[in-house]
Structure formats: C-alpha cells, structure tokens
C-alpha atoms as a PDB file:
ATOM      1  CA  UNK A   1     -37.261  62.111  38.103  1.00  0.00           C
ATOM      2  CA  UNK A   2     -39.537  59.269  36.894  1.00  0.00           C
ATOM      3  CA  UNK A   3     -39.130  59.686  33.012  1.00  0.00           C
ATOM      4  CA  UNK A   4     -35.688  60.052  33.643  1.00  0.00           C
ATOM      5  CA  UNK A   5     -34.459  56.723  35.002  1.00  0.00           C
ATOM      6  CA  UNK A   6     -36.218  55.182  32.536  1.00  0.00           C
ATOM      7  CA  UNK A   7     -34.779  56.724  29.599  1.00  0.00           C
ATOM      8  CA  UNK A   8     -31.598  55.898  31.243  1.00  0.00           C
ATOM      9  CA  UNK A   9     -32.090  52.065  32.195  1.00  0.00           C
ATOM     10  CA  UNK A  10     -33.267  51.774  28.106  1.00  0.00           C
ATOM     11  CA  UNK A  11     -31.737  48.070  27.373  1.00  0.00           C
ATOM     12  CA  UNK A  12     -31.896  45.880  24.053  1.00  0.00           C
ATOM     13  CA  UNK A  13     -35.055  45.024  21.965  1.00  0.00           C
ATOM     14  CA  UNK A  14     -35.895  41.272  21.600  1.00  0.00           C
ATOM     15  CA  UNK A  15     -35.769  42.417  17.920  1.00  0.00           C
ATOM     16  CA  UNK A  16     -31.740  43.279  17.891  1.00  0.00           C
ATOM     17  CA  UNK A  17     -30.965  40.342  20.066  1.00  0.00           C
ATOM     18  CA  UNK A  18     -32.659  38.038  17.533  1.00  0.00           C
ATOM     19  CA  UNK A  19     -30.879  40.228  14.402  1.00  0.00           C
ATOM     20  CA  UNK A  20     -27.611  39.542  16.287  1.00  0.00           C
ATOM     21  CA  UNK A  21     -28.388  35.760  17.562  1.00  0.00           C
ATOM     22  CA  UNK A  22     -28.822  35.326  13.459  1.00  0.00           C
ATOM     23  CA  UNK A  23     -25.453  37.268  12.427  1.00  0.00           C
ATOM     24  CA  UNK A  24     -23.319  35.628  14.511  1.00  0.00           C
ATOM     25  CA  UNK A  25     -24.477  31.992  13.516  1.00  0.00           C
ATOM     26  CA  UNK A  26     -23.786  33.159  10.017  1.00  0.00           C
ATOM     27  CA  UNK A  27     -20.704  34.016  10.725  1.00  0.00           C
ATOM     28  CA  UNK A  28     -19.677  31.194  12.625  1.00  0.00           C
ATOM     29  CA  UNK A  29     -21.162  29.166  10.386  1.00  0.00           C
ATOM     30  CA  UNK A  30     -18.830  30.439   7.420  1.00  0.00           C
ATOM     31  CA  UNK A  31     -15.934  30.364  10.182  1.00  0.00           C
ATOM     32  CA  UNK A  32     -16.371  26.330  10.777  1.00  0.00           C
ATOM     33  CA  UNK A  33     -16.055  25.720   7.407  1.00  0.00           C
ATOM     34  CA  UNK A  34     -13.654  27.236   6.889  1.00  0.00           C
ATOM     35  CA  UNK A  35     -11.531  25.649   9.444  1.00  0.00           C
ATOM     36  CA  UNK A  36     -13.079  22.423   8.661  1.00  0.00           C
ATOM     37  CA  UNK A  37     -12.061  22.677   5.358  1.00  0.00           C
ATOM     38  CA  UNK A  38      -8.447  23.590   6.593  1.00  0.00           C
ATOM     39  CA  UNK A  39      -8.563  20.309   8.807  1.00  0.00           C
ATOM     40  CA  UNK A  40      -9.622  18.245   5.686  1.00  0.00           C
ATOM     41  CA  UNK A  41      -6.635  19.139   3.863  1.00  0.00           C
ATOM     42  CA  UNK A  42      -4.266  18.690   6.833  1.00  0.00           C
ATOM     43  CA  UNK A  43      -5.526  15.209   7.623  1.00  0.00           C
ATOM     44  CA  UNK A  44      -5.533  14.385   3.688  1.00  0.00           C
ATOM     45  CA  UNK A  45      -1.760  16.052   3.260  1.00  0.00           C
ATOM     46  CA  UNK A  46      -0.735  13.778   6.340  1.00  0.00           C
ATOM     47  CA  UNK A  47      -2.540  10.368   5.461  1.00  0.00           C
ATOM     48  CA  UNK A  48      -1.052  11.195   1.761  1.00  0.00           C
ATOM     49  CA  UNK A  49       2.244  11.514   3.431  1.00  0.00           C
ATOM     50  CA  UNK A  50       1.979   8.657   5.913  1.00  0.00           C
ATOM     51  CA  UNK A  51       1.128   6.493   2.979  1.00  0.00           C
ATOM     52  CA  UNK A  52       3.744   7.516   0.555  1.00  0.00           C
ATOM     53  CA  UNK A  53       6.240   7.356   3.398  1.00  0.00           C
ATOM     54  CA  UNK A  54       5.511   3.670   3.943  1.00  0.00           C
ATOM     55  CA  UNK A  55       4.958   2.468   0.915  1.00  0.00           C
ATOM     56  CA  UNK A  56       8.935   4.028  -0.072  1.00  0.00           C
ATOM     57  CA  UNK A  57      10.428   2.164   2.867  1.00  0.00           C
ATOM     58  CA  UNK A  58       9.491  -1.090   1.263  1.00  0.00           C
ATOM     59  CA  UNK A  59      10.529  -0.150  -2.357  1.00  0.00           C
ATOM     60  CA  UNK A  60      13.455   1.194  -1.497  1.00  0.00           C
ATOM     61  CA  UNK A  61      14.324  -1.609   0.978  1.00  0.00           C
ATOM     62  CA  UNK A  62      13.734  -4.093  -1.532  1.00  0.00           C
ATOM     63  CA  UNK A  63      15.935  -2.598  -4.872  1.00  0.00           C
ATOM     64  CA  UNK A  64      18.739  -1.614  -2.200  1.00  0.00           C
ATOM     65  CA  UNK A  65      18.739  -5.974  -1.031  1.00  0.00           C
ATOM     66  CA  UNK A  66      18.238  -7.151  -4.833  1.00  0.00           C
ATOM     67  CA  UNK A  67      21.027  -5.100  -6.159  1.00  0.00           C
ATOM     68  CA  UNK A  68      23.550  -7.050  -3.790  1.00  0.00           C
ATOM     69  CA  UNK A  69      22.126 -10.315  -5.005  1.00  0.00           C
ATOM     70  CA  UNK A  70      24.318 -13.088  -6.147  1.00  0.00           C
ATOM     71  CA  UNK A  71      23.467 -13.251 -10.209  1.00  0.00           C
ATOM     72  CA  UNK A  72      20.252 -15.028 -11.449  1.00  0.00           C
ATOM     73  CA  UNK A  73      19.168 -15.937  -8.088  1.00  0.00           C
ATOM     74  CA  UNK A  74      15.927 -14.031  -8.003  1.00  0.00           C
ATOM     75  CA  UNK A  75      13.114 -15.900  -8.438  1.00  0.00           C
ATOM     76  CA  UNK A  76       9.165 -15.692  -8.467  1.00  0.00           C
ATOM     77  CA  UNK A  77       5.917 -18.325  -7.377  1.00  0.00           C
ATOM     78  CA  UNK A  78       2.611 -17.876  -5.845  1.00  0.00           C
ATOM     79  CA  UNK A  79       0.789 -20.166  -4.258  1.00  0.00           C
ATOM     80  CA  UNK A  80      -2.001 -22.414  -5.553  1.00  0.00           C
ATOM     81  CA  UNK A  81      -4.972 -19.926  -5.400  1.00  0.00           C
ATOM     82  CA  UNK A  82      -2.387 -16.839  -6.448  1.00  0.00           C
ATOM     83  CA  UNK A  83      -3.899 -14.539  -3.493  1.00  0.00           C
ATOM     84  CA  UNK A  84       0.323 -14.476  -2.353  1.00  0.00           C
ATOM     85  CA  UNK A  85       3.292 -13.605  -4.862  1.00  0.00           C
ATOM     86  CA  UNK A  86       6.965 -14.221  -3.392  1.00  0.00           C
ATOM     87  CA  UNK A  87       9.298 -12.956  -4.981  1.00  0.00           C
ATOM     88  CA  UNK A  88      13.205 -14.596  -3.534  1.00  0.00           C
ATOM     89  CA  UNK A  89      17.116 -13.893  -3.790  1.00  0.00           C
ATOM     90  CA  UNK A  90      20.518 -14.786  -2.642  1.00  0.00           C
ATOM     91  CA  UNK A  91      21.825 -11.661  -0.963  1.00  0.00           C
ATOM     92  CA  UNK A  92      25.841 -11.581  -1.682  1.00  0.00           C
ATOM     93  CA  UNK A  93      27.537 -12.000   1.824  1.00  0.00           C
ATOM     94  CA  UNK A  94      30.757 -11.680  -0.111  1.00  0.00           C
ATOM     95  CA  UNK A  95      32.361 -11.719  -3.499  1.00  0.00           C
ATOM     96  CA  UNK A  96      35.855 -12.639  -4.699  1.00  0.00           C
ATOM     97  CA  UNK A  97      38.258 -13.397  -7.532  1.00  0.00           C
ATOM     98  CA  UNK A  98      39.395 -16.372  -7.167  1.00  0.00           C
ATOM     99  CA  UNK A  99      43.196 -17.028  -9.100  1.00  0.00           C
ATOM    100  CA  UNK A 100      42.229 -21.135  -9.076  1.00  0.00           C
ATOM    101  CA  UNK A 101      39.177 -23.228  -8.794  1.00  0.00           C
ATOM    102  CA  UNK A 102      38.743 -26.986  -9.168  1.00  0.00           C
ATOM    103  CA  UNK A 103      36.198 -28.041 -11.821  1.00  0.00           C
ATOM    104  CA  UNK A 104      35.403 -30.681 -13.553  1.00  0.00           C
ATOM    105  CA  UNK A 105      37.147 -33.628 -14.431  1.00  0.00           C
ATOM    106  CA  UNK A 106      39.185 -32.473 -11.743  1.00  0.00           C
ATOM    107  CA  UNK A 107      38.917 -34.555  -8.007  1.00  0.00           C
ATOM    108  CA  UNK A 108      40.043 -31.347  -6.479  1.00  0.00           C
ATOM    109  CA  UNK A 109      38.140 -29.014  -3.988  1.00  0.00           C
ATOM    110  CA  UNK A 110      39.636 -26.025  -3.708  1.00  0.00           C
ATOM    111  CA  UNK A 111      39.288 -22.324  -4.505  1.00  0.00           C
ATOM    112  CA  UNK A 112      41.592 -19.804  -3.575  1.00  0.00           C
ATOM    113  CA  UNK A 113      39.996 -16.418  -3.758  1.00  0.00           C
ATOM    114  CA  UNK A 114      41.524 -12.679  -2.345  1.00  0.00           C
ATOM    115  CA  UNK A 115      41.622 -12.965   1.292  1.00  0.00           C
ATOM    116  CA  UNK A 116      38.530 -11.534   3.064  1.00  0.00           C
ATOM    117  CA  UNK A 117      40.083 -10.712   6.265  1.00  0.00           C
ATOM    118  CA  UNK A 118      39.959  -6.965   7.638  1.00  0.00           C
ATOM    119  CA  UNK A 119      37.616  -6.100   5.505  1.00  0.00           C
ATOM    120  CA  UNK A 120      35.283  -2.971   6.073  1.00  0.00           C
ATOM    121  CA  UNK A 121      32.428  -4.372   6.147  1.00  0.00           C
ATOM    122  CA  UNK A 122      33.391  -7.124   8.388  1.00  0.00           C
ATOM    123  CA  UNK A 123      32.333  -9.933   6.560  1.00  0.00           C
ATOM    124  CA  UNK A 124      33.308 -13.146   8.402  1.00  0.00           C
ATOM    125  CA  UNK A 125      33.468 -16.297   7.136  1.00  0.00           C
ATOM    126  CA  UNK A 126      29.944 -19.166   9.152  1.00  0.00           C
ATOM    127  CA  UNK A 127      29.716 -22.298   9.415  1.00  0.00           C
ATOM    128  CA  UNK A 128      26.916 -23.483   6.198  1.00  0.00           C
ATOM    129  CA  UNK A 129      27.759 -20.831   4.092  1.00  0.00           C
ATOM    130  CA  UNK A 130      27.916 -21.633   0.669  1.00  0.00           C
ATOM    131  CA  UNK A 131      30.826 -20.603  -2.563  1.00  0.00           C
ATOM    132  CA  UNK A 132      28.987 -20.013  -5.849  1.00  0.00           C
ATOM    133  CA  UNK A 133      30.523 -19.840  -9.264  1.00  0.00           C
ATOM    134  CA  UNK A 134      29.301 -18.475 -12.986  1.00  0.00           C
ATOM    135  CA  UNK A 135      25.471 -19.352 -11.841  1.00  0.00           C
ATOM    136  CA  UNK A 136      24.019 -18.404 -15.598  1.00  0.00           C
ATOM    137  CA  UNK A 137      20.412 -20.940 -15.479  1.00  0.00           C
ATOM    138  CA  UNK A 138      17.460 -19.198 -13.980  1.00  0.00           C
ATOM    139  CA  UNK A 139      14.845 -21.783 -15.613  1.00  0.00           C
ATOM    140  CA  UNK A 140      12.130 -22.574 -12.513  1.00  0.00           C
ATOM    141  CA  UNK A 141      12.962 -25.824 -12.344  1.00  0.00           C
ATOM    142  CA  UNK A 142      16.882 -26.043 -13.773  1.00  0.00           C
ATOM    143  CA  UNK A 143      18.010 -22.705 -11.763  1.00  0.00           C
ATOM    144  CA  UNK A 144      22.313 -22.862 -11.537  1.00  0.00           C
ATOM    145  CA  UNK A 145      22.151 -21.190  -7.695  1.00  0.00           C
ATOM    146  CA  UNK A 146      19.481 -23.367  -6.044  1.00  0.00           C
ATOM    147  CA  UNK A 147      20.003 -26.802  -7.419  1.00  0.00           C
ATOM    148  CA  UNK A 148      23.096 -28.180  -6.181  1.00  0.00           C
ATOM    149  CA  UNK A 149      23.435 -30.699  -9.396  1.00  0.00           C
ATOM    150  CA  UNK A 150      23.843 -27.982 -11.491  1.00  0.00           C
ATOM    151  CA  UNK A 151      27.385 -28.140  -9.703  1.00  0.00           C
ATOM    152  CA  UNK A 152      27.561 -24.136  -9.380  1.00  0.00           C
ATOM    153  CA  UNK A 153      26.678 -23.530  -5.600  1.00  0.00           C
ATOM    154  CA  UNK A 154      29.156 -25.456  -3.140  1.00  0.00           C
ATOM    155  CA  UNK A 155      29.659 -25.509   0.725  1.00  0.00           C
ATOM    156  CA  UNK A 156      32.585 -24.270   2.355  1.00  0.00           C
ATOM    157  CA  UNK A 157      33.403 -26.407   5.135  1.00  0.00           C
ATOM    158  CA  UNK A 158      36.771 -24.589   5.481  1.00  0.00           C
ATOM    159  CA  UNK A 159      39.019 -21.895   5.563  1.00  0.00           C
ATOM    160  CA  UNK A 160      43.349 -21.418   5.498  1.00  0.00           C
ATOM    161  CA  UNK A 161      45.531 -19.472   4.702  1.00  0.00           C
ATOM    162  CA  UNK A 162      50.284 -18.837   3.960  1.00  0.00           C
ATOM    163  CA  UNK A 163      49.833 -16.419   7.456  1.00  0.00           C
ATOM    164  CA  UNK A 164      51.564 -17.339  10.226  1.00  0.00           C
ATOM    165  CA  UNK A 165      48.311 -18.375  11.873  1.00  0.00           C
ATOM    166  CA  UNK A 166      46.648 -20.041   8.645  1.00  0.00           C
ATOM    167  CA  UNK A 167      43.833 -18.959  10.220  1.00  0.00           C
ATOM    168  CA  UNK A 168      40.885 -16.648   7.112  1.00  0.00           C
ATOM    169  CA  UNK A 169      40.462 -14.445  10.359  1.00  0.00           C
ATOM    170  CA  UNK A 170      43.616 -11.951   9.667  1.00  0.00           C
ATOM    171  CA  UNK A 171      45.032 -10.324   6.604  1.00  0.00           C
ATOM    172  CA  UNK A 172      48.303 -11.937   6.774  1.00  0.00           C
ATOM    173  CA  UNK A 173      48.831 -14.249   3.717  1.00  0.00           C
ATOM    174  CA  UNK A 174      51.873 -12.823   2.353  1.00  0.00           C
ATOM    175  CA  UNK A 175      50.319 -13.265  -1.637  1.00  0.00           C
ATOM    176  CA  UNK A 176      47.346 -12.028   0.036  1.00  0.00           C
ATOM    177  CA  UNK A 177      44.841 -14.808  -0.619  1.00  0.00           C
ATOM    178  CA  UNK A 178      43.375 -17.739   1.226  1.00  0.00           C
ATOM    179  CA  UNK A 179      42.275 -21.184   0.077  1.00  0.00           C
ATOM    180  CA  UNK A 180      38.402 -22.556   0.647  1.00  0.00           C
ATOM    181  CA  UNK A 181      37.490 -26.092   0.722  1.00  0.00           C
ATOM    182  CA  UNK A 182      34.519 -26.893  -0.477  1.00  0.00           C
ATOM    183  CA  UNK A 183      32.144 -30.343  -1.137  1.00  0.00           C
ATOM    184  CA  UNK A 184      32.799 -30.623  -4.977  1.00  0.00           C
ATOM    185  CA  UNK A 185      34.464 -29.505  -8.021  1.00  0.00           C
ATOM    186  CA  UNK A 186      32.506 -27.175  -9.633  1.00  0.00           C
ATOM    187  CA  UNK A 187      30.900 -27.112 -12.810  1.00  0.00           C
ATOM    188  CA  UNK A 188      32.257 -24.516 -14.385  1.00  0.00           C
ATOM    189  CA  UNK A 189      35.110 -21.764 -14.500  1.00  0.00           C
ATOM    190  CA  UNK A 190      33.574 -17.904 -14.353  1.00  0.00           C
ATOM    191  CA  UNK A 191      35.394 -15.357 -17.454  1.00  0.00           C
ATOM    192  CA  UNK A 192      35.559 -13.175 -14.704  1.00  0.00           C
ATOM    193  CA  UNK A 193      36.913 -15.402 -12.300  1.00  0.00           C
ATOM    194  CA  UNK A 194      33.955 -13.996  -9.582  1.00  0.00           C
ATOM    195  CA  UNK A 195      33.026 -16.253  -6.315  1.00  0.00           C
ATOM    196  CA  UNK A 196      30.125 -15.273  -4.570  1.00  0.00           C
ATOM    197  CA  UNK A 197      29.593 -16.304  -1.121  1.00  0.00           C
ATOM    198  CA  UNK A 198      26.163 -17.312   0.174  1.00  0.00           C
ATOM    199  CA  UNK A 199      24.159 -17.460   2.896  1.00  0.00           C
ATOM    200  CA  UNK A 200      21.148 -17.088   3.104  1.00  0.00           C
ATOM    201  CA  UNK A 201      18.104 -16.258   1.510  1.00  0.00           C
ATOM    202  CA  UNK A 202      15.505 -13.449   1.559  1.00  0.00           C
ATOM    203  CA  UNK A 203      12.142 -13.127   0.272  1.00  0.00           C
ATOM    204  CA  UNK A 204       9.431 -10.473  -0.023  1.00  0.00           C
ATOM    205  CA  UNK A 205       5.859 -11.808   0.021  1.00  0.00           C
ATOM    206  CA  UNK A 206       3.288 -10.150  -1.340  1.00  0.00           C
ATOM    207  CA  UNK A 207      -0.605 -10.970   0.126  1.00  0.00           C
ATOM    208  CA  UNK A 208      -3.599 -10.367  -2.222  1.00  0.00           C
ATOM    209  CA  UNK A 209      -6.318 -11.198   1.172  1.00  0.00           C
ATOM    210  CA  UNK A 210      -4.558  -8.620   4.173  1.00  0.00           C
ATOM    211  CA  UNK A 211      -3.136  -5.752   1.706  1.00  0.00           C
ATOM    212  CA  UNK A 212       0.690  -6.082   2.997  1.00  0.00           C
ATOM    213  CA  UNK A 213       3.944  -7.103   2.268  1.00  0.00           C
ATOM    214  CA  UNK A 214       6.396  -9.208   4.197  1.00  0.00           C
ATOM    215  CA  UNK A 215      10.137 -10.110   4.142  1.00  0.00           C
ATOM    216  CA  UNK A 216      11.850 -13.439   5.623  1.00  0.00           C
ATOM    217  CA  UNK A 217      14.841 -14.853   5.716  1.00  0.00           C
ATOM    218  CA  UNK A 218      15.758 -18.429   4.856  1.00  0.00           C
ATOM    219  CA  UNK A 219      17.952 -20.743   4.065  1.00  0.00           C
ATOM    220  CA  UNK A 220      18.756 -21.921   0.680  1.00  0.00           C
ATOM    221  CA  UNK A 221      16.579 -24.479  -0.960  1.00  0.00           C
ATOM    222  CA  UNK A 222      15.902 -25.972  -4.042  1.00  0.00           C
ATOM    223  CA  UNK A 223      12.082 -25.562  -3.717  1.00  0.00           C
ATOM    224  CA  UNK A 224      10.882 -21.703  -3.564  1.00  0.00           C
ATOM    225  CA  UNK A 225       9.030 -21.407  -0.138  1.00  0.00           C
ATOM    226  CA  UNK A 226       5.735 -19.355   0.030  1.00  0.00           C
ATOM    227  CA  UNK A 227       5.501 -17.579   3.508  1.00  0.00           C
ATOM    228  CA  UNK A 228       2.504 -16.556   4.868  1.00  0.00           C
ATOM    229  CA  UNK A 229       3.664 -13.869   7.470  1.00  0.00           C
ATOM    230  CA  UNK A 230       7.340 -12.396   8.315  1.00  0.00           C
ATOM    231  CA  UNK A 231       8.209  -9.262   9.736  1.00  0.00           C
ATOM    232  CA  UNK A 232       5.566  -6.781   7.899  1.00  0.00           C
ATOM    233  CA  UNK A 233       6.723  -3.984   5.554  1.00  0.00           C
ATOM    234  CA  UNK A 234       4.088  -2.396   3.984  1.00  0.00           C
ATOM    235  CA  UNK A 235       0.213  -2.256   4.245  1.00  0.00           C
ATOM    236  CA  UNK A 236      -2.912  -0.830   2.135  1.00  0.00           C
ATOM    237  CA  UNK A 237      -1.630  -2.768  -0.894  1.00  0.00           C
ATOM    238  CA  UNK A 238      -3.978  -2.313  -3.573  1.00  0.00           C
ATOM    239  CA  UNK A 239      -2.487  -4.792  -6.463  1.00  0.00           C
ATOM    240  CA  UNK A 240      -5.097  -6.757  -8.534  1.00  0.00           C
ATOM    241  CA  UNK A 241      -3.009 -10.163  -8.499  1.00  0.00           C
ATOM    242  CA  UNK A 242      -6.243 -11.745 -11.411  1.00  0.00           C
ATOM    243  CA  UNK A 243      -5.369  -8.973 -13.517  1.00  0.00           C
ATOM    244  CA  UNK A 244      -1.988 -10.113 -15.234  1.00  0.00           C
ATOM    245  CA  UNK A 245      -0.618  -6.667 -16.018  1.00  0.00           C
ATOM    246  CA  UNK A 246      -0.398  -5.788 -11.841  1.00  0.00           C
ATOM    247  CA  UNK A 247       1.427  -8.941 -10.561  1.00  0.00           C
ATOM    248  CA  UNK A 248       3.996  -7.112  -8.473  1.00  0.00           C
ATOM    249  CA  UNK A 249       7.151  -8.973  -9.186  1.00  0.00           C
ATOM    250  CA  UNK A 250       8.368 -10.398 -12.313  1.00  0.00           C
ATOM    251  CA  UNK A 251      11.747 -11.577 -13.128  1.00  0.00           C
ATOM    252  CA  UNK A 252      13.755 -10.597 -16.354  1.00  0.00           C
ATOM    253  CA  UNK A 253      16.488 -12.640 -17.317  1.00  0.00           C
ATOM    254  CA  UNK A 254      19.784 -11.341 -18.670  1.00  0.00           C
ATOM    255  CA  UNK A 255      20.738 -11.124 -22.210  1.00  0.00           C
ATOM    256  CA  UNK A 256      23.799  -9.909 -24.414  1.00  0.00           C
ATOM    257  CA  UNK A 257      23.297  -6.224 -23.817  1.00  0.00           C
ATOM    258  CA  UNK A 258      22.081  -6.228 -19.942  1.00  0.00           C
ATOM    259  CA  UNK A 259      21.626  -7.803 -16.963  1.00  0.00           C
ATOM    260  CA  UNK A 260      18.734  -9.288 -15.511  1.00  0.00           C
ATOM    261  CA  UNK A 261      16.276  -6.888 -15.063  1.00  0.00           C
ATOM    262  CA  UNK A 262      13.359  -6.991 -11.098  1.00  0.00           C
ATOM    263  CA  UNK A 263      10.596  -5.077 -12.379  1.00  0.00           C
ATOM    264  CA  UNK A 264       8.157  -4.253  -9.295  1.00  0.00           C
ATOM    265  CA  UNK A 265       4.625  -2.619  -9.616  1.00  0.00           C
ATOM    266  CA  UNK A 266       3.210  -2.002  -6.218  1.00  0.00           C
ATOM    267  CA  UNK A 267      -0.144   0.015  -5.644  1.00  0.00           C
ATOM    268  CA  UNK A 268      -1.352   1.164  -2.663  1.00  0.00           C
ATOM    269  CA  UNK A 269      -4.876   2.710  -1.546  1.00  0.00           C
ATOM    270  CA  UNK A 270      -5.464   4.743   1.866  1.00  0.00           C
ATOM    271  CA  UNK A 271      -9.474   6.195   2.239  1.00  0.00           C
ATOM    272  CA  UNK A 272      -9.220   6.496  -1.255  1.00  0.00           C
ATOM    273  CA  UNK A 273      -5.847   8.105  -1.750  1.00  0.00           C
ATOM    274  CA  UNK A 274      -3.813   5.412  -4.372  1.00  0.00           C
ATOM    275  CA  UNK A 275      -0.123   5.844  -4.827  1.00  0.00           C
ATOM    276  CA  UNK A 276       1.693   3.197  -7.347  1.00  0.00           C
ATOM    277  CA  UNK A 277       5.427   2.598  -8.033  1.00  0.00           C
ATOM    278  CA  UNK A 278       6.603   1.109 -11.043  1.00  0.00           C
ATOM    279  CA  UNK A 279      10.418  -0.137 -10.974  1.00  0.00           C
ATOM    280  CA  UNK A 280      13.187  -1.696 -12.929  1.00  0.00           C
ATOM    281  CA  UNK A 281      15.669  -2.227 -10.991  1.00  0.00           C
ATOM    282  CA  UNK A 282      18.542  -3.900 -12.571  1.00  0.00           C
ATOM    283  CA  UNK A 283      20.885  -5.876 -10.772  1.00  0.00           C
ATOM    284  CA  UNK A 284      24.572  -4.744 -11.010  1.00  0.00           C
ATOM    285  CA  UNK A 285      26.634  -8.291 -10.431  1.00  0.00           C
ATOM    286  CA  UNK A 286      27.595 -10.863 -13.510  1.00  0.00           C
ATOM    287  CA  UNK A 287      28.094 -14.147 -13.047  1.00  0.00           C
END
C-alpha cells in the first residue's frame, strides 16, 4: 500500500523543470526577436510615410501656387548669414485680356478689360489691387513686377461698366467689358494683350537652423522680406545651405524657347531616413 502511493504521487524532477525552463527561455528569445524585428519594420515604415507625406504636402502646395504666379514675379533672397532662404512671388488673383490700355506717353489712366463679374471662382476686386501688364525684367534691382518706377504695375482705383448699375460686380455690360481706372499709364503693351491682377505676395522660407519651411503672405513691395517665422509647412529639412549645390530655391529667367523655371531642391531627414525632392516648376503664365 505504501509503495503504491509513492508511485501514484510521483512528480517532475528538478532536472526536468530546469530543462523545460531553458527550452521555454530559448523559444521566448526567438519569438521576442521576431516580434521586435516586425515592430521595428512597422515603425520605420510609419515614420517614412509620415516624413514623405509632410514633405510632399509642402512641395505640392508650393508647386501649385507657383503655377498661378504672375509672370517673372518669382525671386529668391537669403539673409546675411545665409541660414534663411526665401522664394517670393505674386499669385494671380485674376487674369484677363484688355481691349484698350493707357500706355505712355498717353496721359489717360484706364484699361478696358474683359468683364470678370459672375466668374466661377468668385473673384471680386478689392481696394489696393494692382493691374500688371507685360512684366519682363527679372533682375533683382530692377524687377518690373515689384518696382513701380518701371510702370508695369499700377494700382486699380476703381472699376465701372456700361451696364444698368455701372458696377463691375454683375455681368450686365452689353459689350462684356469693364473699365479699370489705374494710378497711371503703363510703359508697354502686352503682345498678347494680357492683364494680371495681383493683391499680395506669397513667400516660402527655408530655415537651416530650425530645419523648417514657413509660408507667409505679405504686401507687394520693392524690397523682398526675409521671414523668420510663419505658417509651418514642413519640418526635418536637411539641406546644407553652405553648399551651393543644395540651395533650396533657384529661379531661371524665361528665354525665347521656354517660360521661366523655378528649381526646388529639398532634402528631409528623420531618424536617418532621408528623402530628396528635386523638381523643376514651369510657370505657364506669359506676359
């Protein structure tokens, strides 16, 4: 009876328990390594997607806005230390054709354009808007768009038509035209009779120290503004501003065979993951 109880209650030996613990430890290490590798791959992919999405948003936004810029209005300037580089341009609020225009030595101050009322984008003329005609010079110290002395940009003081209410807000002019009163006569005619209406400037500034890109809107002025802050568009910028080959923004003037080109070169880095964007943006608008 005593022997029978001993045989029935027999358990694991210490050696067997140690062996099982060792085997389970080895298996756990293998499984943990597999899980850790999978989690690492997932985290890397997520960070790469986040970096790609954020940087692509900034590049796509800049690209779309540049394509609507007034011809030859894009210009680039850096601060004294070279740690901030900004590209500035004037977006086209409205583009029209004119049928008559006051050009020097004419002393009149008017432009008859195709009426813009009831347009699909809902454009309305604001106080302080400018009419721009045939801007061709893009030299920094003599830019036609920004320097009023070149007589390519004139402030619009009023707008009338020959409709019943003489207002430009409704498309009731029988000839489909509107008359702009401007601050003076223009320097030249546009070969294509094009007239652009501008209201503000848009600037994208790349900051080397904060590794960020900021967007700003401002007034049109002769001197380009270097913004030190603004609306954050992208982070993790990795351009070396001291290297001329890594300048984030470059503007190439229009030639007889092509429109002007803006070259964007941006590098972004996050956790040793680097993404490079190199894009040539053709500004399709012509003077």
